[in-house]
Amino acid sequence: MFTIEHEFDATVVTLIDEAEAVEDVTITVFDDGARVEQLDERTGKVQTVVLSTAQLRDLRAALDLPEGTYRLRRVKD
């Protein structure tokens, strides 16, 4: 399950683990990248990963590709 909220400067997606095996993951997407956050149950602190727009593009492509090493190139019109 997930929720989507549109804020003034970002879109916030929260991924909810209905089985409650892991903590919820919050992804905040800005014009220049995204922040992924999850509570670390062991420390009680929120862990944060920041991705650039290029890294987000690569992640999106990687979800549909087989194992290997890739470099995406922009096709000029």
C-alpha atoms as a PDB file:
ATOM      1  CA  MET A   1       0.000   0.000   0.000  1.00  0.00           C
ATOM      2  CA  PHE A   2       1.172   3.556  -0.553  1.00  0.00           C
ATOM      3  CA  THR A   3       0.059   7.148  -0.202  1.00  0.00           C
ATOM      4  CA  ILE A   4       0.787  10.164  -2.422  1.00  0.00           C
ATOM      5  CA  GLU A   5       0.699  13.765  -1.232  1.00  0.00           C
ATOM      6  CA  HIS A   6       1.391  16.789  -3.421  1.00  0.00           C
ATOM      7  CA  GLU A   7       2.983  19.612  -1.462  1.00  0.00           C
ATOM      8  CA  PHE A   8       4.020  23.079  -2.637  1.00  0.00           C
ATOM      9  CA  ASP A   9       7.587  22.132  -3.621  1.00  0.00           C
ATOM     10  CA  ALA A  10       7.546  18.322  -3.604  1.00  0.00           C
ATOM     11  CA  THR A  11       5.592  15.115  -4.037  1.00  0.00           C
ATOM     12  CA  VAL A  12       5.705  12.758  -1.067  1.00  0.00           C
ATOM     13  CA  VAL A  13       5.159   9.023  -1.552  1.00  0.00           C
ATOM     14  CA  THR A  14       4.964   6.783   1.511  1.00  0.00           C
ATOM     15  CA  LEU A  15       5.388   3.030   0.985  1.00  0.00           C
ATOM     16  CA  ILE A  16       3.597   1.129   3.730  1.00  0.00           C
ATOM     17  CA  ASP A  17       4.538  -2.454   4.540  1.00  0.00           C
ATOM     18  CA  GLU A  18       1.171  -3.960   5.439  1.00  0.00           C
ATOM     19  CA  ALA A  19       2.878  -7.061   6.857  1.00  0.00           C
ATOM     20  CA  GLU A  20       4.736  -4.720   9.231  1.00  0.00           C
ATOM     21  CA  ALA A  21       8.012  -6.572   8.597  1.00  0.00           C
ATOM     22  CA  VAL A  22       9.872  -3.297   7.967  1.00  0.00           C
ATOM     23  CA  GLU A  23       9.269   0.378   8.712  1.00  0.00           C
ATOM     24  CA  ASP A  24       7.468   2.584   6.184  1.00  0.00           C
ATOM     25  CA  VAL A  25       9.608   4.288   3.531  1.00  0.00           C
ATOM     26  CA  THR A  26       9.009   7.943   2.644  1.00  0.00           C
ATOM     27  CA  ILE A  27      10.193   9.275  -0.724  1.00  0.00           C
ATOM     28  CA  THR A  28      10.125  13.044  -1.192  1.00  0.00           C
ATOM     29  CA  VAL A  29      10.649  14.085  -4.816  1.00  0.00           C
ATOM     30  CA  PHE A  30      11.846  17.605  -5.631  1.00  0.00           C
ATOM     31  CA  ASP A  31      12.725  19.238  -8.979  1.00  0.00           C
ATOM     32  CA  ASP A  32      16.420  18.403  -8.505  1.00  0.00           C
ATOM     33  CA  GLY A  33      16.252  14.928  -6.930  1.00  0.00           C
ATOM     34  CA  ALA A  34      14.684  12.843  -4.199  1.00  0.00           C
ATOM     35  CA  ARG A  35      15.123  12.027  -0.529  1.00  0.00           C
ATOM     36  CA  VAL A  36      14.399   8.478   0.706  1.00  0.00           C
ATOM     37  CA  GLU A  37      13.853   8.072   4.453  1.00  0.00           C
ATOM     38  CA  GLN A  38      13.176   5.149   6.775  1.00  0.00           C
ATOM     39  CA  LEU A  39      13.194   4.832  10.555  1.00  0.00           C
ATOM     40  CA  ASP A  40      15.965   2.558  11.820  1.00  0.00           C
ATOM     41  CA  GLU A  41      14.303   0.512  14.554  1.00  0.00           C
ATOM     42  CA  ARG A  42      17.655  -0.311  16.165  1.00  0.00           C
ATOM     43  CA  THR A  43      18.733   3.295  16.720  1.00  0.00           C
ATOM     44  CA  GLY A  44      15.391   5.100  16.654  1.00  0.00           C
ATOM     45  CA  LYS A  45      16.856   7.515  14.079  1.00  0.00           C
ATOM     46  CA  VAL A  46      15.665   8.213  10.550  1.00  0.00           C
ATOM     47  CA  GLN A  47      18.131   7.090   7.865  1.00  0.00           C
ATOM     48  CA  THR A  48      18.235   9.292   4.753  1.00  0.00           C
ATOM     49  CA  VAL A  49      19.488   8.704   1.205  1.00  0.00           C
ATOM     50  CA  VAL A  50      19.565  11.576  -1.325  1.00  0.00           C
ATOM     51  CA  LEU A  51      19.378  10.777  -5.056  1.00  0.00           C
ATOM     52  CA  SER A  52      20.042  13.157  -7.952  1.00  0.00           C
ATOM     53  CA  THR A  53      17.681  13.287 -10.915  1.00  0.00           C
ATOM     54  CA  ALA A  54      20.263  11.306 -12.939  1.00  0.00           C
ATOM     55  CA  GLN A  55      20.330   8.595 -10.275  1.00  0.00           C
ATOM     56  CA  LEU A  56      16.514   8.491 -10.264  1.00  0.00           C
ATOM     57  CA  ARG A  57      16.551   8.095 -14.053  1.00  0.00           C
ATOM     58  CA  ASP A  58      19.052   5.243 -13.787  1.00  0.00           C
ATOM     59  CA  LEU A  59      17.018   3.542 -11.051  1.00  0.00           C
ATOM     60  CA  ARG A  60      13.880   3.745 -13.154  1.00  0.00           C
ATOM     61  CA  ALA A  61      15.672   2.139 -16.110  1.00  0.00           C
ATOM     62  CA  ALA A  62      17.331  -0.502 -13.921  1.00  0.00           C
ATOM     63  CA  LEU A  63      13.989  -1.864 -12.748  1.00  0.00           C
ATOM     64  CA  ASP A  64      13.337  -3.192 -16.265  1.00  0.00           C
ATOM     65  CA  LEU A  65      16.811  -4.454 -17.226  1.00  0.00           C
ATOM     66  CA  PRO A  66      18.581  -7.786 -16.712  1.00  0.00           C
ATOM     67  CA  GLU A  67      21.753  -8.131 -14.628  1.00  0.00           C
ATOM     68  CA  GLY A  68      24.722  -6.201 -16.018  1.00  0.00           C
ATOM     69  CA  THR A  69      26.456  -2.815 -16.185  1.00  0.00           C
ATOM     70  CA  TYR A  70      24.827   0.010 -18.107  1.00  0.00           C
ATOM     71  CA  ARG A  71      25.255   3.674 -19.014  1.00  0.00           C
ATOM     72  CA  LEU A  72      22.213   5.550 -20.253  1.00  0.00           C
ATOM     73  CA  ARG A  73      22.693   8.056 -23.059  1.00  0.00           C
ATOM     74  CA  ARG A  74      20.344  10.774 -24.187  1.00  0.00           C
ATOM     75  CA  VAL A  75      19.185  10.431 -27.777  1.00  0.00           C
ATOM     76  CA  LYS A  76      19.358  13.779 -29.597  1.00  0.00           C
ATOM     77  CA  ASP A  77      16.378  14.638 -31.779  1.00  0.00           C
END
